[in-house]
Amino acid sequence: MISTRSFHQNAKNQVKTISQAKKLSSPTSTVVSGRVRENQKATQSEESLRKVMYLSCWGPYS
């Protein structure tokens, strides 16, 4: 049979472990979201360049 004290101590240790895991995962999610933003910017740049190239070749003045 588990004593109340050891039960509470075990629960307390698990809470510490969970909070430490959350702290460690936060920078990782920040890095991932930063990469997503970089990919979005790159995609927007490519689309803009594609539009400029299209208009310079096939635009209303050609």
Protein backbone atom coordinates (compact mmCIF):
# COMPACT_ATOMS: atom_id res chain seq x y z
CA MET A 1 0.00 0.00 0.00
CA ILE A 2 1.32 3.46 -0.94
CA SER A 3 1.43 6.01 1.81
CA THR A 4 -0.20 9.40 1.32
CA ARG A 5 3.14 11.15 1.67
CA SER A 6 4.83 9.10 -1.06
CA PHE A 7 1.77 9.51 -3.31
CA HIS A 8 1.92 13.30 -2.96
CA GLN A 9 5.69 13.34 -3.46
CA ASN A 10 5.34 11.24 -6.62
CA ALA A 11 2.62 13.56 -7.98
CA LYS A 12 4.76 16.60 -7.18
CA ASN A 13 7.73 15.12 -9.05
CA GLN A 14 5.58 14.39 -12.09
CA VAL A 15 4.30 17.98 -12.19
CA LYS A 16 7.90 19.24 -12.11
CA THR A 17 8.83 16.90 -14.96
CA ILE A 18 5.87 18.04 -17.06
CA SER A 19 6.63 21.73 -16.51
CA GLN A 20 10.28 21.16 -17.42
CA ALA A 21 9.24 19.36 -20.61
CA LYS A 22 7.00 22.30 -21.57
CA LYS A 23 9.86 24.75 -21.02
CA LEU A 24 12.13 22.68 -23.24
CA SER A 25 9.56 22.35 -26.01
CA SER A 26 8.83 26.08 -26.24
CA PRO A 27 12.06 27.10 -28.02
CA THR A 28 11.56 24.28 -30.48
CA SER A 29 8.11 25.51 -31.40
CA THR A 30 9.52 29.03 -31.80
CA VAL A 31 12.15 27.76 -34.22
CA VAL A 32 9.54 25.85 -36.19
CA SER A 33 7.21 28.84 -36.43
CA GLY A 34 10.17 30.97 -37.55
CA ARG A 35 10.90 28.49 -40.34
CA VAL A 36 7.27 28.52 -41.40
CA ARG A 37 7.38 32.32 -41.65
CA GLU A 38 10.60 32.12 -43.68
CA ASN A 39 8.98 29.63 -46.04
CA GLN A 40 5.94 31.89 -46.44
CA LYS A 41 8.17 34.88 -47.23
CA ALA A 42 10.13 32.84 -49.77
CA THR A 43 6.90 31.71 -51.42
CA GLN A 44 5.61 35.29 -51.59
CA SER A 45 8.90 36.43 -53.10
CA GLU A 46 8.77 33.70 -55.73
CA GLU A 47 5.18 34.59 -56.62
CA SER A 48 6.08 38.28 -56.93
CA LEU A 49 9.04 37.50 -59.16
CA ARG A 50 6.90 35.19 -61.29
CA LYS A 51 4.30 37.96 -61.71
CA VAL A 52 6.95 40.53 -62.69
CA MET A 53 8.46 38.14 -65.22
CA TYR A 54 5.05 37.35 -66.68
CA LEU A 55 4.07 41.01 -66.97
CA SER A 56 7.42 41.98 -68.49
CA CYS A 57 7.03 39.28 -71.16
CA TRP A 58 3.26 39.27 -71.73
CA GLY A 59 2.03 42.51 -70.19
CA PRO A 60 -0.19 45.10 -71.85
CA TYR A 61 2.77 46.98 -73.38
CA SER A 62 4.48 44.14 -75.20
